[in-house]
PDB file of all heavy atoms in Angstrom:
ATOM      1  N   ILE A   1     -15.446  75.336  37.455  1.00  0.00           N
ATOM      2  CA  ILE A   1     -16.043  75.693  38.745  1.00  0.00           C
ATOM      3  C   ILE A   1     -17.536  75.917  38.574  1.00  0.00           C
ATOM      4  O   ILE A   1     -17.980  76.613  37.649  1.00  0.00           O
ATOM      5  CB  ILE A   1     -15.380  76.977  39.297  1.00  0.00           C
ATOM      6  CG1 ILE A   1     -13.869  76.761  39.472  1.00  0.00           C
ATOM      7  CG2 ILE A   1     -16.030  77.406  40.608  1.00  0.00           C
ATOM      8  CD1 ILE A   1     -13.102  78.047  39.666  1.00  0.00           C
ATOM      9  N   LEU A   2     -18.333  75.363  39.492  1.00  0.00           N
ATOM     10  CA  LEU A   2     -19.765  75.632  39.550  1.00  0.00           C
ATOM     11  C   LEU A   2     -20.004  76.820  40.470  1.00  0.00           C
ATOM     12  O   LEU A   2     -20.006  76.679  41.695  1.00  0.00           O
ATOM     13  CB  LEU A   2     -20.517  74.405  40.054  1.00  0.00           C
ATOM     14  CG  LEU A   2     -20.944  73.377  39.014  1.00  0.00           C
ATOM     15  CD1 LEU A   2     -21.898  73.982  37.994  1.00  0.00           C
ATOM     16  CD2 LEU A   2     -19.753  72.769  38.315  1.00  0.00           C
ATOM     17  N   ASP A   3     -20.153  77.993  39.861  1.00  0.00           N
ATOM     18  CA  ASP A   3     -20.413  79.229  40.609  1.00  0.00           C
ATOM     19  C   ASP A   3     -21.919  79.299  40.823  1.00  0.00           C
ATOM     20  O   ASP A   3     -22.647  79.973  40.097  1.00  0.00           O
ATOM     21  CB  ASP A   3     -19.871  80.416  39.820  1.00  0.00           C
ATOM     22  CG  ASP A   3     -19.764  81.681  40.649  1.00  0.00           C
ATOM     23  OD1 ASP A   3     -20.184  81.670  41.824  1.00  0.00           O
ATOM     24  OD2 ASP A   3     -19.263  82.686  40.109  1.00  0.00           O
ATOM     25  N   TRP A   4     -22.372  78.598  41.864  1.00  0.00           N
ATOM     26  CA  TRP A   4     -23.760  78.172  41.999  1.00  0.00           C
ATOM     27  C   TRP A   4     -24.759  79.326  42.031  1.00  0.00           C
ATOM     28  O   TRP A   4     -25.703  79.371  41.248  1.00  0.00           O
ATOM     29  CB  TRP A   4     -23.883  77.329  43.271  1.00  0.00           C
ATOM     30  CG  TRP A   4     -25.178  76.639  43.438  1.00  0.00           C
ATOM     31  CD1 TRP A   4     -25.667  75.597  42.690  1.00  0.00           C
ATOM     32  CD2 TRP A   4     -26.175  76.895  44.428  1.00  0.00           C
ATOM     33  NE1 TRP A   4     -26.890  75.185  43.153  1.00  0.00           N
ATOM     34  CE2 TRP A   4     -27.230  75.969  44.220  1.00  0.00           C
ATOM     35  CE3 TRP A   4     -26.274  77.815  45.476  1.00  0.00           C
ATOM     36  CZ2 TRP A   4     -28.368  75.947  45.021  1.00  0.00           C
ATOM     37  CZ3 TRP A   4     -27.404  77.787  46.275  1.00  0.00           C
ATOM     38  CH2 TRP A   4     -28.433  76.866  46.039  1.00  0.00           C
ATOM     39  N   ASN A   5     -24.570  80.257  42.926  1.00  0.00           N
ATOM     40  CA  ASN A   5     -25.569  81.317  43.063  1.00  0.00           C
ATOM     41  C   ASN A   5     -25.357  82.449  42.068  1.00  0.00           C
ATOM     42  O   ASN A   5     -26.150  83.385  42.024  1.00  0.00           O
ATOM     43  CB  ASN A   5     -25.592  81.866  44.493  1.00  0.00           C
ATOM     44  CG  ASN A   5     -26.999  82.144  44.970  1.00  0.00           C
ATOM     45  OD1 ASN A   5     -27.945  81.449  44.593  1.00  0.00           O
ATOM     46  ND2 ASN A   5     -27.169  83.158  45.809  1.00  0.00           N
ATOM     47  N   ASN A   6     -24.314  82.349  41.262  1.00  0.00           N
ATOM     48  CA  ASN A   6     -24.161  83.228  40.103  1.00  0.00           C
ATOM     49  C   ASN A   6     -24.638  82.543  38.826  1.00  0.00           C
ATOM     50  O   ASN A   6     -24.539  83.140  37.739  1.00  0.00           O
ATOM     51  CB  ASN A   6     -22.705  83.673  39.939  1.00  0.00           C
ATOM     52  CG  ASN A   6     -22.325  84.761  40.923  1.00  0.00           C
ATOM     53  OD1 ASN A   6     -23.145  85.624  41.256  1.00  0.00           O
ATOM     54  ND2 ASN A   6     -21.085  84.734  41.410  1.00  0.00           N
ATOM     55  N   HIS A   7     -25.098  81.310  38.932  1.00  0.00           N
ATOM     56  CA  HIS A   7     -25.710  80.573  37.817  1.00  0.00           C
ATOM     57  C   HIS A   7     -24.777  80.479  36.608  1.00  0.00           C
ATOM     58  O   HIS A   7     -25.195  80.660  35.466  1.00  0.00           O
ATOM     59  CB  HIS A   7     -27.040  81.239  37.406  1.00  0.00           C
ATOM     60  CG  HIS A   7     -27.919  81.588  38.561  1.00  0.00           C
ATOM     61  ND1 HIS A   7     -28.545  80.638  39.330  1.00  0.00           N
ATOM     62  CD2 HIS A   7     -28.242  82.800  39.111  1.00  0.00           C
ATOM     63  CE1 HIS A   7     -29.248  81.235  40.288  1.00  0.00           C
ATOM     64  NE2 HIS A   7     -29.063  82.536  40.184  1.00  0.00           N
ATOM     65  N   ARG A   8     -23.510  80.160  36.895  1.00  0.00           N
ATOM     66  CA  ARG A   8     -22.509  80.108  35.830  1.00  0.00           C
ATOM     67  C   ARG A   8     -21.590  78.908  36.000  1.00  0.00           C
ATOM     68  O   ARG A   8     -21.359  78.439  37.117  1.00  0.00           O
ATOM     69  CB  ARG A   8     -21.622  81.358  35.857  1.00  0.00           C
ATOM     70  CG  ARG A   8     -22.327  82.674  35.581  1.00  0.00           C
ATOM     71  CD  ARG A   8     -21.389  83.848  35.846  1.00  0.00           C
ATOM     72  NE  ARG A   8     -22.067  85.129  35.668  1.00  0.00           N
ATOM     73  CZ  ARG A   8     -21.742  86.026  34.737  1.00  0.00           C
ATOM     74  NH1 ARG A   8     -20.745  85.783  33.911  1.00  0.00           N
ATOM     75  NH2 ARG A   8     -22.396  87.158  34.645  1.00  0.00           N
ATOM     76  N   VAL A   9     -21.060  78.454  34.893  1.00  0.00           N
ATOM     77  CA  VAL A   9     -19.904  77.571  34.882  1.00  0.00           C
ATOM     78  C   VAL A   9     -18.706  78.429  34.495  1.00  0.00           C
ATOM     79  O   VAL A   9     -18.732  79.122  33.480  1.00  0.00           O
ATOM     80  CB  VAL A   9     -20.069  76.423  33.869  1.00  0.00           C
ATOM     81  CG1 VAL A   9     -18.798  75.586  33.798  1.00  0.00           C
ATOM     82  CG2 VAL A   9     -21.267  75.562  34.237  1.00  0.00           C
ATOM     83  N   ARG A  10     -17.660  78.368  35.332  1.00  0.00           N
ATOM     84  CA  ARG A  10     -16.479  79.183  35.077  1.00  0.00           C
ATOM     85  C   ARG A  10     -15.256  78.280  34.998  1.00  0.00           C
ATOM     86  O   ARG A  10     -15.273  77.154  35.490  1.00  0.00           O
ATOM     87  CB  ARG A  10     -16.333  80.245  36.172  1.00  0.00           C
ATOM     88  CG  ARG A  10     -17.634  81.027  36.328  1.00  0.00           C
ATOM     89  CD  ARG A  10     -17.574  82.077  37.393  1.00  0.00           C
ATOM     90  NE  ARG A  10     -16.991  83.303  36.888  1.00  0.00           N
ATOM     91  CZ  ARG A  10     -16.891  84.432  37.598  1.00  0.00           C
ATOM     92  NH1 ARG A  10     -17.324  84.441  38.852  1.00  0.00           N
ATOM     93  NH2 ARG A  10     -16.361  85.507  37.089  1.00  0.00           N
ATOM     94  N   SER A  11     -14.230  78.775  34.346  1.00  0.00           N
ATOM     95  CA  SER A  11     -13.011  77.986  34.211  1.00  0.00           C
ATOM     96  C   SER A  11     -11.811  78.870  34.515  1.00  0.00           C
ATOM     97  O   SER A  11     -11.882  80.108  34.435  1.00  0.00           O
ATOM     98  CB  SER A  11     -12.889  77.407  32.797  1.00  0.00           C
ATOM     99  OG  SER A  11     -12.748  78.442  31.837  1.00  0.00           O
ATOM    100  N   ILE A  12     -10.727  78.212  34.914  1.00  0.00           N
ATOM    101  CA  ILE A  12      -9.461  78.912  35.106  1.00  0.00           C
ATOM    102  C   ILE A  12      -8.493  78.386  34.065  1.00  0.00           C
ATOM    103  O   ILE A  12      -8.170  77.195  34.042  1.00  0.00           O
ATOM    104  CB  ILE A  12      -8.889  78.682  36.512  1.00  0.00           C
ATOM    105  CG1 ILE A  12      -9.859  79.199  37.581  1.00  0.00           C
ATOM    106  CG2 ILE A  12      -7.532  79.377  36.663  1.00  0.00           C
ATOM    107  CD1 ILE A  12      -9.410  78.927  39.008  1.00  0.00           C
ATOM    108  N   SER A  13      -8.061  79.261  33.188  1.00  0.00           N
ATOM    109  CA  SER A  13      -7.067  78.903  32.178  1.00  0.00           C
ATOM    110  C   SER A  13      -6.154  80.101  31.959  1.00  0.00           C
ATOM    111  O   SER A  13      -6.581  81.258  32.075  1.00  0.00           O
ATOM    112  CB  SER A  13      -7.731  78.490  30.865  1.00  0.00           C
ATOM    113  OG  SER A  13      -8.523  79.534  30.332  1.00  0.00           O
ATOM    114  N   ASP A  14      -4.902  79.824  31.672  1.00  0.00           N
ATOM    115  CA  ASP A  14      -3.888  80.880  31.496  1.00  0.00           C
ATOM    116  C   ASP A  14      -3.862  81.819  32.697  1.00  0.00           C
ATOM    117  O   ASP A  14      -3.597  83.021  32.558  1.00  0.00           O
ATOM    118  CB  ASP A  14      -4.151  81.673  30.205  1.00  0.00           C
ATOM    119  CG  ASP A  14      -4.112  80.782  28.973  1.00  0.00           C
ATOM    120  OD1 ASP A  14      -3.259  79.873  28.930  1.00  0.00           O
ATOM    121  OD2 ASP A  14      -4.952  80.975  28.070  1.00  0.00           O
ATOM    122  N   GLY A  15      -4.183  81.269  33.883  1.00  0.00           N
ATOM    123  CA  GLY A  15      -4.092  82.055  35.102  1.00  0.00           C
ATOM    124  C   GLY A  15      -5.220  83.021  35.334  1.00  0.00           C
ATOM    125  O   GLY A  15      -5.169  83.813  36.282  1.00  0.00           O
ATOM    126  N   LEU A  16      -6.288  82.968  34.510  1.00  0.00           N
ATOM    127  CA  LEU A  16      -7.407  83.897  34.636  1.00  0.00           C
ATOM    128  C   LEU A  16      -8.720  83.125  34.697  1.00  0.00           C
ATOM    129  O   LEU A  16      -8.828  81.995  34.212  1.00  0.00           O
ATOM    130  CB  LEU A  16      -7.438  84.870  33.455  1.00  0.00           C
ATOM    131  CG  LEU A  16      -6.208  85.768  33.271  1.00  0.00           C
ATOM    132  CD1 LEU A  16      -6.347  86.588  32.002  1.00  0.00           C
ATOM    133  CD2 LEU A  16      -6.018  86.678  34.482  1.00  0.00           C
ATOM    134  N   VAL A  17      -9.741  83.771  35.267  1.00  0.00           N
ATOM    135  CA  VAL A  17     -11.064  83.181  35.389  1.00  0.00           C
ATOM    136  C   VAL A  17     -11.934  83.635  34.224  1.00  0.00           C
ATOM    137  O   VAL A  17     -11.983  84.824  33.906  1.00  0.00           O
ATOM    138  CB  VAL A  17     -11.724  83.557  36.727  1.00  0.00           C
ATOM    139  CG1 VAL A  17     -13.134  83.001  36.808  1.00  0.00           C
ATOM    140  CG2 VAL A  17     -10.880  83.053  37.895  1.00  0.00           C
ATOM    141  N   HIS A  18     -12.616  82.680  33.607  1.00  0.00           N
ATOM    142  CA  HIS A  18     -13.487  82.959  32.475  1.00  0.00           C
ATOM    143  C   HIS A  18     -14.852  82.327  32.729  1.00  0.00           C
ATOM    144  O   HIS A  18     -14.948  81.284  33.367  1.00  0.00           O
ATOM    145  CB  HIS A  18     -12.919  82.367  31.177  1.00  0.00           C
ATOM    146  CG  HIS A  18     -11.458  82.593  30.986  1.00  0.00           C
ATOM    147  ND1 HIS A  18     -10.953  83.708  30.366  1.00  0.00           N
ATOM    148  CD2 HIS A  18     -10.384  81.835  31.348  1.00  0.00           C
ATOM    149  CE1 HIS A  18      -9.632  83.632  30.347  1.00  0.00           C
ATOM    150  NE2 HIS A  18      -9.270  82.510  30.944  1.00  0.00           N
ATOM    151  N   THR A  19     -15.914  82.934  32.205  1.00  0.00           N
ATOM    152  CA  THR A  19     -17.226  82.310  32.200  1.00  0.00           C
ATOM    153  C   THR A  19     -17.360  81.471  30.948  1.00  0.00           C
ATOM    154  O   THR A  19     -17.114  81.936  29.843  1.00  0.00           O
ATOM    155  CB  THR A  19     -18.356  83.344  32.262  1.00  0.00           C
ATOM    156  OG1 THR A  19     -18.275  84.041  33.515  1.00  0.00           O
ATOM    157  CG2 THR A  19     -19.719  82.691  32.157  1.00  0.00           C
ATOM    158  N   LEU A  20     -17.793  80.218  31.141  1.00  0.00           N
ATOM    159  CA  LEU A  20     -17.931  79.284  30.030  1.00  0.00           C
ATOM    160  C   LEU A  20     -19.389  79.126  29.615  1.00  0.00           C
ATOM    161  O   LEU A  20     -19.708  79.080  28.425  1.00  0.00           O
ATOM    162  CB  LEU A  20     -17.365  77.925  30.451  1.00  0.00           C
ATOM    163  CG  LEU A  20     -17.114  76.890  29.377  1.00  0.00           C
ATOM    164  CD1 LEU A  20     -15.922  77.287  28.527  1.00  0.00           C
ATOM    165  CD2 LEU A  20     -16.860  75.518  30.019  1.00  0.00           C
ATOM    166  N   ILE A  21     -20.272  78.998  30.621  1.00  0.00           N
ATOM    167  CA  ILE A  21     -21.698  78.786  30.370  1.00  0.00           C
ATOM    168  C   ILE A  21     -22.490  79.664  31.324  1.00  0.00           C
ATOM    169  O   ILE A  21     -22.180  79.729  32.508  1.00  0.00           O
ATOM    170  CB  ILE A  21     -22.111  77.316  30.580  1.00  0.00           C
ATOM    171  CG1 ILE A  21     -21.212  76.364  29.786  1.00  0.00           C
ATOM    172  CG2 ILE A  21     -23.572  77.111  30.183  1.00  0.00           C
ATOM    173  CD1 ILE A  21     -21.447  74.895  30.104  1.00  0.00           C
ATOM    174  N   GLY A  22     -23.525  80.306  30.806  1.00  0.00           N
ATOM    175  CA  GLY A  22     -24.448  81.048  31.654  1.00  0.00           C
ATOM    176  C   GLY A  22     -24.340  82.550  31.506  1.00  0.00           C
ATOM    177  O   GLY A  22     -23.249  83.102  31.333  1.00  0.00           O
ATOM    178  N   THR A  23     -25.497  83.208  31.613  1.00  0.00           N
ATOM    179  CA  THR A  23     -25.540  84.665  31.550  1.00  0.00           C
ATOM    180  C   THR A  23     -25.412  85.296  32.927  1.00  0.00           C
ATOM    181  O   THR A  23     -25.150  86.494  33.041  1.00  0.00           O
ATOM    182  CB  THR A  23     -26.878  85.127  30.952  1.00  0.00           C
ATOM    183  OG1 THR A  23     -27.942  84.734  31.839  1.00  0.00           O
ATOM    184  CG2 THR A  23     -27.109  84.510  29.580  1.00  0.00           C
ATOM    185  N   GLY A  24     -25.633  84.490  33.972  1.00  0.00           N
ATOM    186  CA  GLY A  24     -25.678  85.025  35.330  1.00  0.00           C
ATOM    187  C   GLY A  24     -27.091  85.295  35.791  1.00  0.00           C
ATOM    188  O   GLY A  24     -27.327  85.511  36.979  1.00  0.00           O
ATOM    189  N   SER A  25     -28.049  85.256  34.857  1.00  0.00           N
ATOM    190  CA  SER A  25     -29.464  85.430  35.197  1.00  0.00           C
ATOM    191  C   SER A  25     -30.145  84.074  35.228  1.00  0.00           C
ATOM    192  O   SER A  25     -29.736  83.137  34.543  1.00  0.00           O
ATOM    193  CB  SER A  25     -30.151  86.326  34.161  1.00  0.00           C
ATOM    194  OG  SER A  25     -29.552  87.607  34.127  1.00  0.00           O
ATOM    195  N   LEU A  26     -31.204  83.970  36.020  1.00  0.00           N
ATOM    196  CA  LEU A  26     -31.981  82.740  36.068  1.00  0.00           C
ATOM    197  C   LEU A  26     -32.672  82.495  34.738  1.00  0.00           C
ATOM    198  O   LEU A  26     -33.179  83.421  34.103  1.00  0.00           O
ATOM    199  CB  LEU A  26     -33.034  82.824  37.168  1.00  0.00           C
ATOM    200  CG  LEU A  26     -32.551  82.700  38.615  1.00  0.00           C
ATOM    201  CD1 LEU A  26     -33.690  83.035  39.566  1.00  0.00           C
ATOM    202  CD2 LEU A  26     -32.030  81.308  38.889  1.00  0.00           C
ATOM    203  N   GLY A  27     -32.698  81.221  34.329  1.00  0.00           N
ATOM    204  CA  GLY A  27     -33.373  80.885  33.082  1.00  0.00           C
ATOM    205  C   GLY A  27     -33.596  79.402  32.963  1.00  0.00           C
ATOM    206  O   GLY A  27     -33.339  78.628  33.895  1.00  0.00           O
ATOM    207  N   ASP A  28     -34.078  78.976  31.795  1.00  0.00           N
ATOM    208  CA  ASP A  28     -34.497  77.604  31.557  1.00  0.00           C
ATOM    209  C   ASP A  28     -33.438  76.761  30.858  1.00  0.00           C
ATOM    210  O   ASP A  28     -33.748  75.679  30.353  1.00  0.00           O
ATOM    211  CB  ASP A  28     -35.773  77.577  30.723  1.00  0.00           C
ATOM    212  CG  ASP A  28     -36.956  78.203  31.454  1.00  0.00           C
ATOM    213  OD1 ASP A  28     -36.993  78.107  32.696  1.00  0.00           O
ATOM    214  OD2 ASP A  28     -37.830  78.788  30.789  1.00  0.00           O
ATOM    215  N   ALA A  29     -32.207  77.242  30.801  1.00  0.00           N
ATOM    216  CA  ALA A  29     -31.111  76.508  30.168  1.00  0.00           C
ATOM    217  C   ALA A  29     -31.446  76.091  28.742  1.00  0.00           C
ATOM    218  O   ALA A  29     -31.354  74.916  28.371  1.00  0.00           O
ATOM    219  CB  ALA A  29     -30.714  75.292  31.000  1.00  0.00           C
ATOM    220  N   PRO A  30     -31.826  77.044  27.898  1.00  0.00           N
ATOM    221  CA  PRO A  30     -32.165  76.679  26.520  1.00  0.00           C
ATOM    222  C   PRO A  30     -30.928  76.243  25.740  1.00  0.00           C
ATOM    223  O   PRO A  30     -29.809  76.669  26.033  1.00  0.00           O
ATOM    224  CB  PRO A  30     -32.747  77.974  25.951  1.00  0.00           C
ATOM    225  CG  PRO A  30     -32.080  79.063  26.743  1.00  0.00           C
ATOM    226  CD  PRO A  30     -31.939  78.495  28.129  1.00  0.00           C
ATOM    227  N   ASP A  31     -31.140  75.386  24.762  1.00  0.00           N
ATOM    228  CA  ASP A  31     -30.056  75.015  23.864  1.00  0.00           C
ATOM    229  C   ASP A  31     -29.614  76.244  23.074  1.00  0.00           C
ATOM    230  O   ASP A  31     -30.405  77.150  22.797  1.00  0.00           O
ATOM    231  CB  ASP A  31     -30.517  73.926  22.893  1.00  0.00           C
ATOM    232  CG  ASP A  31     -30.754  72.589  23.570  1.00  0.00           C
ATOM    233  OD1 ASP A  31     -30.526  72.488  24.786  1.00  0.00           O
ATOM    234  OD2 ASP A  31     -31.175  71.654  22.877  1.00  0.00           O
ATOM    235  N   GLY A  32     -28.347  76.264  22.710  1.00  0.00           N
ATOM    236  CA  GLY A  32     -27.828  77.371  21.911  1.00  0.00           C
ATOM    237  C   GLY A  32     -26.480  77.821  22.410  1.00  0.00           C
ATOM    238  O   GLY A  32     -25.747  77.061  23.057  1.00  0.00           O
ATOM    239  N   LEU A  33     -26.139  79.053  22.119  1.00  0.00           N
ATOM    240  CA  LEU A  33     -24.856  79.613  22.520  1.00  0.00           C
ATOM    241  C   LEU A  33     -24.738  79.583  24.042  1.00  0.00           C
ATOM    242  O   LEU A  33     -25.605  80.078  24.749  1.00  0.00           O
ATOM    243  CB  LEU A  33     -24.721  81.035  22.000  1.00  0.00           C
ATOM    244  CG  LEU A  33     -23.350  81.707  22.200  1.00  0.00           C
ATOM    245  CD1 LEU A  33     -22.275  81.000  21.379  1.00  0.00           C
ATOM    246  CD2 LEU A  33     -23.437  83.183  21.820  1.00  0.00           C
ATOM    247  N   ALA A  34     -23.654  79.005  24.546  1.00  0.00           N
ATOM    248  CA  ALA A  34     -23.510  78.772  25.982  1.00  0.00           C
ATOM    249  C   ALA A  34     -23.552  80.062  26.782  1.00  0.00           C
ATOM    250  O   ALA A  34     -24.152  80.107  27.867  1.00  0.00           O
ATOM    251  CB  ALA A  34     -22.222  78.017  26.254  1.00  0.00           C
ATOM    252  N   LEU A  35     -22.933  81.104  26.303  1.00  0.00           N
ATOM    253  CA  LEU A  35     -22.886  82.361  27.049  1.00  0.00           C
ATOM    254  C   LEU A  35     -24.211  83.107  26.998  1.00  0.00           C
ATOM    255  O   LEU A  35     -24.386  84.102  27.701  1.00  0.00           O
ATOM    256  CB  LEU A  35     -21.756  83.247  26.524  1.00  0.00           C
ATOM    257  CG  LEU A  35     -20.348  82.773  26.889  1.00  0.00           C
ATOM    258  CD1 LEU A  35     -19.291  83.660  26.225  1.00  0.00           C
ATOM    259  CD2 LEU A  35     -20.145  82.752  28.404  1.00  0.00           C
ATOM    260  N   ALA A  36     -25.151  82.641  26.179  1.00  0.00           N
ATOM    261  CA  ALA A  36     -26.481  83.238  26.113  1.00  0.00           C
ATOM    262  C   ALA A  36     -27.532  82.356  26.766  1.00  0.00           C
ATOM    263  O   ALA A  36     -28.711  82.706  26.788  1.00  0.00           O
ATOM    264  CB  ALA A  36     -26.876  83.512  24.665  1.00  0.00           C
ATOM    265  N   SER A  37     -27.105  81.210  27.322  1.00  0.00           N
ATOM    266  CA  SER A  37     -28.033  80.268  27.933  1.00  0.00           C
ATOM    267  C   SER A  37     -28.091  80.511  29.438  1.00  0.00           C
ATOM    268  O   SER A  37     -27.112  80.286  30.154  1.00  0.00           O
ATOM    269  CB  SER A  37     -27.589  78.824  27.648  1.00  0.00           C
ATOM    270  OG  SER A  37     -28.505  77.899  28.173  1.00  0.00           O
ATOM    271  N   SER A  38     -29.228  80.975  29.921  1.00  0.00           N
ATOM    272  CA  SER A  38     -29.389  81.262  31.341  1.00  0.00           C
ATOM    273  C   SER A  38     -29.693  79.972  32.086  1.00  0.00           C
ATOM    274  O   SER A  38     -30.576  79.202  31.695  1.00  0.00           O
ATOM    275  CB  SER A  38     -30.515  82.273  31.563  1.00  0.00           C
ATOM    276  OG  SER A  38     -30.183  83.507  30.960  1.00  0.00           O
ATOM    277  N   LEU A  39     -28.966  79.747  33.180  1.00  0.00           N
ATOM    278  CA  LEU A  39     -29.097  78.542  33.983  1.00  0.00           C
ATOM    279  C   LEU A  39     -29.840  78.837  35.281  1.00  0.00           C
ATOM    280  O   LEU A  39     -30.029  79.999  35.650  1.00  0.00           O
ATOM    281  CB  LEU A  39     -27.708  77.982  34.306  1.00  0.00           C
ATOM    282  CG  LEU A  39     -26.774  77.698  33.126  1.00  0.00           C
ATOM    283  CD1 LEU A  39     -25.383  77.334  33.642  1.00  0.00           C
ATOM    284  CD2 LEU A  39     -27.335  76.593  32.246  1.00  0.00           C
TER     285      LEU A  39
END
């Protein structure tokens, strides 16, 4: 799921919602750990 205004990529697996990419803060999408990359 593209959670657009939360600046995150999220997924549904095992019946629960997880954040896959993004800190939730605006940023420059730097390379590196996905959960530390602000989109």
